[in-house]
PDB file of N, CA and C in Angstrom:
ATOM      1  N   MET A   1      23.327 -21.212  30.843  1.00  0.00           N
ATOM      2  CA  MET A   1      23.035 -22.625  31.023  1.00  0.00           C
ATOM      3  C   MET A   1      23.636 -23.398  29.842  1.00  0.00           C
ATOM      4  N   ASN A   2      24.296 -24.493  30.143  1.00  0.00           N
ATOM      5  CA  ASN A   2      24.893 -25.342  29.128  1.00  0.00           C
ATOM      6  C   ASN A   2      24.123 -26.639  29.085  1.00  0.00           C
ATOM      7  N   VAL A   3      23.478 -26.918  27.894  1.00  0.00           N
ATOM      8  CA  VAL A   3      22.655 -28.112  27.747  1.00  0.00           C
ATOM      9  C   VAL A   3      23.182 -28.921  26.564  1.00  0.00           C
ATOM     10  N   VAL A   4      23.377 -30.208  26.834  1.00  0.00           N
ATOM     11  CA  VAL A   4      23.769 -31.179  25.779  1.00  0.00           C
ATOM     12  C   VAL A   4      22.675 -32.248  25.734  1.00  0.00           C
ATOM     13  N   VAL A   5      22.231 -32.558  24.493  1.00  0.00           N
ATOM     14  CA  VAL A   5      21.229 -33.598  24.298  1.00  0.00           C
ATOM     15  C   VAL A   5      21.850 -34.782  23.586  1.00  0.00           C
ATOM     16  N   TYR A   6      21.865 -35.920  24.243  1.00  0.00           N
ATOM     17  CA  TYR A   6      22.269 -37.170  23.595  1.00  0.00           C
ATOM     18  C   TYR A   6      20.997 -37.796  23.029  1.00  0.00           C
ATOM     19  N   SER A   7      21.014 -38.028  21.694  1.00  0.00           N
ATOM     20  CA  SER A   7      19.791 -38.489  21.025  1.00  0.00           C
ATOM     21  C   SER A   7      20.122 -39.250  19.746  1.00  0.00           C
ATOM     22  N   THR A   8      19.051 -39.639  19.039  1.00  0.00           N
ATOM     23  CA  THR A   8      19.152 -40.231  17.725  1.00  0.00           C
ATOM     24  C   THR A   8      18.039 -39.639  16.859  1.00  0.00           C
ATOM     25  N   SER A   9      18.143 -39.776  15.576  1.00  0.00           N
ATOM     26  CA  SER A   9      17.153 -39.220  14.660  1.00  0.00           C
ATOM     27  C   SER A   9      15.824 -40.004  14.736  1.00  0.00           C
ATOM     28  N   TRP A  10      15.858 -41.254  15.043  1.00  0.00           N
ATOM     29  CA  TRP A  10      14.661 -42.115  15.029  1.00  0.00           C
ATOM     30  C   TRP A  10      13.858 -42.099  16.327  1.00  0.00           C
ATOM     31  N   CYS A  11      14.368 -41.467  17.359  1.00  0.00           N
ATOM     32  CA  CYS A  11      13.758 -41.507  18.694  1.00  0.00           C
ATOM     33  C   CYS A  11      12.700 -40.428  18.861  1.00  0.00           C
ATOM     34  N   ARG A  12      11.473 -40.861  19.037  1.00  0.00           N
ATOM     35  CA  ARG A  12      10.331 -39.895  19.191  1.00  0.00           C
ATOM     36  C   ARG A  12      10.511 -39.041  20.444  1.00  0.00           C
ATOM     37  N   ASP A  13      10.919 -39.632  21.571  1.00  0.00           N
ATOM     38  CA  ASP A  13      11.126 -38.878  22.804  1.00  0.00           C
ATOM     39  C   ASP A  13      12.267 -37.871  22.645  1.00  0.00           C
ATOM     40  N   CYS A  14      13.289 -38.220  21.858  1.00  0.00           N
ATOM     41  CA  CYS A  14      14.386 -37.294  21.596  1.00  0.00           C
ATOM     42  C   CYS A  14      13.876 -36.069  20.851  1.00  0.00           C
ATOM     43  N   ARG A  15      13.060 -36.316  19.834  1.00  0.00           N
ATOM     44  CA  ARG A  15      12.485 -35.188  19.066  1.00  0.00           C
ATOM     45  C   ARG A  15      11.604 -34.327  19.944  1.00  0.00           C
ATOM     46  N   ALA A  16      10.833 -34.946  20.839  1.00  0.00           N
ATOM     47  CA  ALA A  16       9.970 -34.203  21.738  1.00  0.00           C
ATOM     48  C   ALA A  16      10.801 -33.341  22.714  1.00  0.00           C
ATOM     49  N   ALA A  17      11.887 -33.898  23.204  1.00  0.00           N
ATOM     50  CA  ALA A  17      12.717 -33.141  24.147  1.00  0.00           C
ATOM     51  C   ALA A  17      13.372 -31.941  23.457  1.00  0.00           C
ATOM     52  N   LYS A  18      13.875 -32.156  22.203  1.00  0.00           N
ATOM     53  CA  LYS A  18      14.488 -31.049  21.470  1.00  0.00           C
ATOM     54  C   LYS A  18      13.452 -29.995  21.099  1.00  0.00           C
ATOM     55  N   GLN A  19      12.246 -30.433  20.760  1.00  0.00           N
ATOM     56  CA  GLN A  19      11.185 -29.473  20.448  1.00  0.00           C
ATOM     57  C   GLN A  19      10.845 -28.634  21.682  1.00  0.00           C
ATOM     58  N   PHE A  20      10.764 -29.265  22.836  1.00  0.00           N
ATOM     59  CA  PHE A  20      10.548 -28.555  24.087  1.00  0.00           C
ATOM     60  C   PHE A  20      11.601 -27.488  24.312  1.00  0.00           C
ATOM     61  N   LEU A  21      12.840 -27.857  24.133  1.00  0.00           N
ATOM     62  CA  LEU A  21      13.912 -26.896  24.308  1.00  0.00           C
ATOM     63  C   LEU A  21      13.810 -25.756  23.289  1.00  0.00           C
ATOM     64  N   ASP A  22      13.505 -26.096  22.065  1.00  0.00           N
ATOM     65  CA  ASP A  22      13.359 -25.087  20.991  1.00  0.00           C
ATOM     66  C   ASP A  22      12.225 -24.100  21.298  1.00  0.00           C
ATOM     67  N   VAL A  23      11.086 -24.638  21.714  1.00  0.00           N
ATOM     68  CA  VAL A  23       9.935 -23.797  21.977  1.00  0.00           C
ATOM     69  C   VAL A  23      10.247 -22.818  23.135  1.00  0.00           C
ATOM     70  N   HIS A  24      11.062 -23.244  24.036  1.00  0.00           N
ATOM     71  CA  HIS A  24      11.380 -22.387  25.207  1.00  0.00           C
ATOM     72  C   HIS A  24      12.685 -21.578  25.014  1.00  0.00           C
ATOM     73  N   GLY A  25      13.206 -21.633  23.801  1.00  0.00           N
ATOM     74  CA  GLY A  25      14.390 -20.804  23.478  1.00  0.00           C
ATOM     75  C   GLY A  25      15.629 -21.231  24.194  1.00  0.00           C
ATOM     76  N   ILE A  26      15.754 -22.488  24.541  1.00  0.00           N
ATOM     77  CA  ILE A  26      16.952 -22.975  25.241  1.00  0.00           C
ATOM     78  C   ILE A  26      17.890 -23.636  24.228  1.00  0.00           C
ATOM     79  N   GLY A  27      19.058 -23.054  24.077  1.00  0.00           N
ATOM     80  CA  GLY A  27      20.048 -23.567  23.195  1.00  0.00           C
ATOM     81  C   GLY A  27      20.650 -24.848  23.694  1.00  0.00           C
ATOM     82  N   TYR A  28      21.100 -25.709  22.817  1.00  0.00           N
ATOM     83  CA  TYR A  28      21.685 -26.956  23.218  1.00  0.00           C
ATOM     84  C   TYR A  28      22.612 -27.468  22.130  1.00  0.00           C
ATOM     85  N   ALA A  29      23.538 -28.301  22.524  1.00  0.00           N
ATOM     86  CA  ALA A  29      24.389 -29.062  21.635  1.00  0.00           C
ATOM     87  C   ALA A  29      23.803 -30.457  21.549  1.00  0.00           C
ATOM     88  N   GLU A  30      23.733 -30.983  20.307  1.00  0.00           N
ATOM     89  CA  GLU A  30      23.156 -32.311  20.128  1.00  0.00           C
ATOM     90  C   GLU A  30      24.251 -33.312  19.754  1.00  0.00           C
ATOM     91  N   ILE A  31      24.211 -34.466  20.412  1.00  0.00           N
ATOM     92  CA  ILE A  31      25.164 -35.528  20.085  1.00  0.00           C
ATOM     93  C   ILE A  31      24.328 -36.765  19.690  1.00  0.00           C
ATOM     94  N   ASP A  32      24.559 -37.218  18.457  1.00  0.00           N
ATOM     95  CA  ASP A  32      23.861 -38.356  17.908  1.00  0.00           C
ATOM     96  C   ASP A  32      24.597 -39.638  18.321  1.00  0.00           C
ATOM     97  N   VAL A  33      24.032 -40.429  19.192  1.00  0.00           N
ATOM     98  CA  VAL A  33      24.723 -41.613  19.699  1.00  0.00           C
ATOM     99  C   VAL A  33      24.845 -42.691  18.659  1.00  0.00           C
ATOM    100  N   ASP A  34      24.011 -42.661  17.581  1.00  0.00           N
ATOM    101  CA  ASP A  34      24.163 -43.627  16.515  1.00  0.00           C
ATOM    102  C   ASP A  34      25.387 -43.289  15.631  1.00  0.00           C
ATOM    103  N   ALA A  35      25.659 -42.002  15.474  1.00  0.00           N
ATOM    104  CA  ALA A  35      26.771 -41.580  14.644  1.00  0.00           C
ATOM    105  C   ALA A  35      28.120 -41.550  15.412  1.00  0.00           C
ATOM    106  N   ASP A  36      28.062 -41.570  16.728  1.00  0.00           N
ATOM    107  CA  ASP A  36      29.269 -41.456  17.533  1.00  0.00           C
ATOM    108  C   ASP A  36      29.326 -42.572  18.599  1.00  0.00           C
ATOM    109  N   PRO A  37      30.061 -43.674  18.308  1.00  0.00           N
ATOM    110  CA  PRO A  37      30.135 -44.745  19.272  1.00  0.00           C
ATOM    111  C   PRO A  37      30.677 -44.328  20.645  1.00  0.00           C
ATOM    112  N   ALA A  38      31.550 -43.353  20.672  1.00  0.00           N
ATOM    113  CA  ALA A  38      32.093 -42.863  21.955  1.00  0.00           C
ATOM    114  C   ALA A  38      30.994 -42.209  22.763  1.00  0.00           C
ATOM    115  N   ALA A  39      30.052 -41.513  22.096  1.00  0.00           N
ATOM    116  CA  ALA A  39      28.932 -40.894  22.795  1.00  0.00           C
ATOM    117  C   ALA A  39      27.985 -41.942  23.376  1.00  0.00           C
ATOM    118  N   SER A  40      27.794 -43.010  22.605  1.00  0.00           N
ATOM    119  CA  SER A  40      26.952 -44.116  23.114  1.00  0.00           C
ATOM    120  C   SER A  40      27.581 -44.698  24.345  1.00  0.00           C
ATOM    121  N   ALA A  41      28.897 -44.913  24.330  1.00  0.00           N
ATOM    122  CA  ALA A  41      29.604 -45.466  25.478  1.00  0.00           C
ATOM    123  C   ALA A  41      29.526 -44.498  26.677  1.00  0.00           C
ATOM    124  N   GLU A  42      29.554 -43.207  26.401  1.00  0.00           N
ATOM    125  CA  GLU A  42      29.447 -42.180  27.464  1.00  0.00           C
ATOM    126  C   GLU A  42      28.078 -42.271  28.155  1.00  0.00           C
ATOM    127  N   VAL A  43      27.029 -42.423  27.382  1.00  0.00           N
ATOM    128  CA  VAL A  43      25.693 -42.590  27.968  1.00  0.00           C
ATOM    129  C   VAL A  43      25.647 -43.819  28.845  1.00  0.00           C
ATOM    130  N   ILE A  44      26.165 -44.935  28.346  1.00  0.00           N
ATOM    131  CA  ILE A  44      26.169 -46.191  29.110  1.00  0.00           C
ATOM    132  C   ILE A  44      26.971 -45.990  30.393  1.00  0.00           C
ATOM    133  N   ARG A  45      28.088 -45.313  30.316  1.00  0.00           N
ATOM    134  CA  ARG A  45      28.935 -45.089  31.516  1.00  0.00           C
ATOM    135  C   ARG A  45      28.213 -44.293  32.562  1.00  0.00           C
ATOM    136  N   HIS A  46      27.415 -43.326  32.145  1.00  0.00           N
ATOM    137  CA  HIS A  46      26.717 -42.480  33.131  1.00  0.00           C
ATOM    138  C   HIS A  46      25.415 -42.993  33.643  1.00  0.00           C
ATOM    139  N   VAL A  47      24.667 -43.735  32.818  1.00  0.00           N
ATOM    140  CA  VAL A  47      23.331 -44.187  33.265  1.00  0.00           C
ATOM    141  C   VAL A  47      23.158 -45.691  33.270  1.00  0.00           C
ATOM    142  N   GLY A  48      24.223 -46.412  32.859  1.00  0.00           N
ATOM    143  CA  GLY A  48      24.174 -47.870  32.979  1.00  0.00           C
ATOM    144  C   GLY A  48      23.505 -48.615  31.834  1.00  0.00           C
ATOM    145  N   LYS A  49      22.949 -47.840  30.868  1.00  0.00           N
ATOM    146  CA  LYS A  49      22.334 -48.447  29.705  1.00  0.00           C
ATOM    147  C   LYS A  49      22.251 -47.401  28.599  1.00  0.00           C
ATOM    148  N   ARG A  50      21.944 -47.840  27.409  1.00  0.00           N
ATOM    149  CA  ARG A  50      21.817 -46.895  26.272  1.00  0.00           C
ATOM    150  C   ARG A  50      20.376 -46.420  26.242  1.00  0.00           C
ATOM    151  N   ALA A  51      20.066 -45.477  27.090  1.00  0.00           N
ATOM    152  CA  ALA A  51      18.750 -44.890  27.214  1.00  0.00           C
ATOM    153  C   ALA A  51      18.804 -43.467  26.759  1.00  0.00           C
ATOM    154  N   ILE A  52      17.974 -43.183  25.771  1.00  0.00           N
ATOM    155  CA  ILE A  52      17.948 -41.807  25.230  1.00  0.00           C
ATOM    156  C   ILE A  52      16.504 -41.340  25.200  1.00  0.00           C
ATOM    157  N   PRO A  53      16.238 -40.066  25.216  1.00  0.00           N
ATOM    158  CA  PRO A  53      17.242 -38.985  25.285  1.00  0.00           C
ATOM    159  C   PRO A  53      17.852 -38.844  26.683  1.00  0.00           C
ATOM    160  N   GLN A  54      19.027 -38.315  26.698  1.00  0.00           N
ATOM    161  CA  GLN A  54      19.703 -37.911  27.915  1.00  0.00           C
ATOM    162  C   GLN A  54      20.043 -36.441  27.752  1.00  0.00           C
ATOM    163  N   LEU A  55      19.849 -35.683  28.772  1.00  0.00           N
ATOM    164  CA  LEU A  55      20.265 -34.277  28.789  1.00  0.00           C
ATOM    165  C   LEU A  55      21.351 -34.133  29.847  1.00  0.00           C
ATOM    166  N   VAL A  56      22.315 -33.334  29.533  1.00  0.00           N
ATOM    167  CA  VAL A  56      23.301 -32.945  30.495  1.00  0.00           C
ATOM    168  C   VAL A  56      23.147 -31.432  30.666  1.00  0.00           C
ATOM    169  N   ILE A  57      22.703 -31.029  31.829  1.00  0.00           N
ATOM    170  CA  ILE A  57      22.363 -29.597  32.114  1.00  0.00           C
ATOM    171  C   ILE A  57      23.393 -29.105  33.127  1.00  0.00           C
ATOM    172  N   ASP A  58      24.257 -28.228  32.645  1.00  0.00           N
ATOM    173  CA  ASP A  58      25.355 -27.687  33.467  1.00  0.00           C
ATOM    174  C   ASP A  58      26.104 -28.830  34.174  1.00  0.00           C
ATOM    175  N   GLY A  59      26.412 -29.878  33.403  1.00  0.00           N
ATOM    176  CA  GLY A  59      27.217 -30.999  33.898  1.00  0.00           C
ATOM    177  C   GLY A  59      26.459 -32.087  34.625  1.00  0.00           C
ATOM    178  N   GLU A  60      25.169 -31.879  34.853  1.00  0.00           N
ATOM    179  CA  GLU A  60      24.365 -32.872  35.571  1.00  0.00           C
ATOM    180  C   GLU A  60      23.515 -33.666  34.577  1.00  0.00           C
ATOM    181  N   TRP A  61      23.624 -34.997  34.628  1.00  0.00           N
ATOM    182  CA  TRP A  61      22.876 -35.891  33.735  1.00  0.00           C
ATOM    183  C   TRP A  61      21.403 -35.972  34.187  1.00  0.00           C
ATOM    184  N   PHE A  62      20.507 -35.956  33.188  1.00  0.00           N
ATOM    185  CA  PHE A  62      19.076 -36.016  33.453  1.00  0.00           C
ATOM    186  C   PHE A  62      18.374 -36.737  32.312  1.00  0.00           C
ATOM    187  N   GLN A  63      17.584 -37.746  32.640  1.00  0.00           N
ATOM    188  CA  GLN A  63      16.801 -38.451  31.675  1.00  0.00           C
ATOM    189  C   GLN A  63      15.366 -37.875  31.664  1.00  0.00           C
ATOM    190  N   PRO A  64      14.998 -37.156  30.602  1.00  0.00           N
ATOM    191  CA  PRO A  64      13.735 -36.406  30.612  1.00  0.00           C
ATOM    192  C   PRO A  64      12.507 -37.199  30.202  1.00  0.00           C
ATOM    193  N   TYR A  65      12.574 -38.509  30.281  1.00  0.00           N
ATOM    194  CA  TYR A  65      11.399 -39.280  29.965  1.00  0.00           C
ATOM    195  C   TYR A  65      11.383 -40.535  30.871  1.00  0.00           C
ATOM    196  N   ALA A  66      10.228 -41.139  30.899  1.00  0.00           N
ATOM    197  CA  ALA A  66      10.084 -42.432  31.620  1.00  0.00           C
ATOM    198  C   ALA A  66       9.247 -43.368  30.757  1.00  0.00           C
ATOM    199  N   PRO A  67       9.650 -44.605  30.635  1.00  0.00           N
ATOM    200  CA  PRO A  67       8.858 -45.558  29.852  1.00  0.00           C
ATOM    201  C   PRO A  67       7.408 -45.570  30.311  1.00  0.00           C
ATOM    202  N   GLY A  68       6.511 -45.501  29.363  1.00  0.00           N
ATOM    203  CA  GLY A  68       5.085 -45.482  29.698  1.00  0.00           C
ATOM    204  C   GLY A  68       4.539 -44.147  30.074  1.00  0.00           C
ATOM    205  N   ARG A  69       5.402 -43.189  30.417  1.00  0.00           N
ATOM    206  CA  ARG A  69       4.957 -41.854  30.790  1.00  0.00           C
ATOM    207  C   ARG A  69       5.324 -40.792  29.751  1.00  0.00           C
ATOM    208  N   GLY A  70       6.330 -41.088  28.919  1.00  0.00           N
ATOM    209  CA  GLY A  70       6.782 -40.138  27.926  1.00  0.00           C
ATOM    210  C   GLY A  70       7.636 -39.058  28.528  1.00  0.00           C
ATOM    211  N   LEU A  71       7.610 -37.921  27.876  1.00  0.00           N
ATOM    212  CA  LEU A  71       8.446 -36.788  28.334  1.00  0.00           C
ATOM    213  C   LEU A  71       7.947 -36.250  29.674  1.00  0.00           C
ATOM    214  N   LEU A  72       8.845 -36.068  30.587  1.00  0.00           N
ATOM    215  CA  LEU A  72       8.550 -35.644  31.960  1.00  0.00           C
ATOM    216  C   LEU A  72       8.577 -34.113  32.001  1.00  0.00           C
ATOM    217  N   LEU A  73       7.472 -33.529  31.529  1.00  0.00           N
ATOM    218  CA  LEU A  73       7.429 -32.076  31.342  1.00  0.00           C
ATOM    219  C   LEU A  73       7.637 -31.310  32.648  1.00  0.00           C
ATOM    220  N   ASP A  74       7.009 -31.739  33.724  1.00  0.00           N
ATOM    221  CA  ASP A  74       7.153 -31.012  34.997  1.00  0.00           C
ATOM    222  C   ASP A  74       8.594 -31.071  35.480  1.00  0.00           C
ATOM    223  N   GLU A  75       9.191 -32.265  35.460  1.00  0.00           N
ATOM    224  CA  GLU A  75      10.576 -32.392  35.899  1.00  0.00           C
ATOM    225  C   GLU A  75      11.541 -31.607  35.015  1.00  0.00           C
ATOM    226  N   LEU A  76      11.302 -31.687  33.698  1.00  0.00           N
ATOM    227  CA  LEU A  76      12.160 -31.001  32.750  1.00  0.00           C
ATOM    228  C   LEU A  76      12.073 -29.488  32.935  1.00  0.00           C
ATOM    229  N   SER A  77      10.827 -29.001  33.094  1.00  0.00           N
ATOM    230  CA  SER A  77      10.629 -27.573  33.340  1.00  0.00           C
ATOM    231  C   SER A  77      11.348 -27.103  34.602  1.00  0.00           C
ATOM    232  N   LYS A  78      11.223 -27.901  35.642  1.00  0.00           N
ATOM    233  CA  LYS A  78      11.845 -27.535  36.925  1.00  0.00           C
ATOM    234  C   LYS A  78      13.387 -27.493  36.763  1.00  0.00           C
ATOM    235  N   ARG A  79      13.951 -28.484  36.125  1.00  0.00           N
ATOM    236  CA  ARG A  79      15.379 -28.537  35.921  1.00  0.00           C
ATOM    237  C   ARG A  79      15.913 -27.344  35.121  1.00  0.00           C
ATOM    238  N   LEU A  80      15.085 -26.898  34.172  1.00  0.00           N
ATOM    239  CA  LEU A  80      15.511 -25.827  33.304  1.00  0.00           C
ATOM    240  C   LEU A  80      15.073 -24.430  33.800  1.00  0.00           C
ATOM    241  N   GLY A  81      14.302 -24.402  34.906  1.00  0.00           N
ATOM    242  CA  GLY A  81      13.835 -23.121  35.442  1.00  0.00           C
ATOM    243  C   GLY A  81      12.749 -22.502  34.618  1.00  0.00           C
ATOM    244  N   ILE A  82      11.945 -23.320  33.953  1.00  0.00           N
ATOM    245  CA  ILE A  82      10.829 -22.824  33.169  1.00  0.00           C
ATOM    246  C   ILE A  82       9.551 -22.943  33.968  1.00  0.00           C
ATOM    247  N   PRO A  83       8.848 -21.832  34.158  1.00  0.00           N
ATOM    248  CA  PRO A  83       7.558 -21.910  34.928  1.00  0.00           C
ATOM    249  C   PRO A  83       6.520 -22.689  34.118  1.00  0.00           C
ATOM    250  N   ARG A  84       5.790 -23.546  34.782  1.00  0.00           N
ATOM    251  CA  ARG A  84       4.705 -24.311  34.157  1.00  0.00           C
ATOM    252  C   ARG A  84       3.426 -23.521  34.390  1.00  0.00           C
ATOM    253  N   VAL A  85       2.623 -23.436  33.332  1.00  0.00           N
ATOM    254  CA  VAL A  85       1.338 -22.706  33.439  1.00  0.00           C
ATOM    255  C   VAL A  85       0.191 -23.678  33.566  1.00  0.00           C
TER     256      VAL A  85
END
């Protein structure tokens, strides 16, 4: 599985998404959209706004959070094939 996380250092939901991946032993490449203007433009091109975190899982873009709901653990688990207990 190839996972890329578009994030920033100040984003709480980004940290939560990366922690979730770490806890479940899922490797990922991280792209800081604050440090890389081209990455920020890439996020906007794919999702229509600068909304982070964004995950790209085997080429498919996925936003693992929803405003007011936080990290979407069930959806994220399903996308990554992690059984929920």
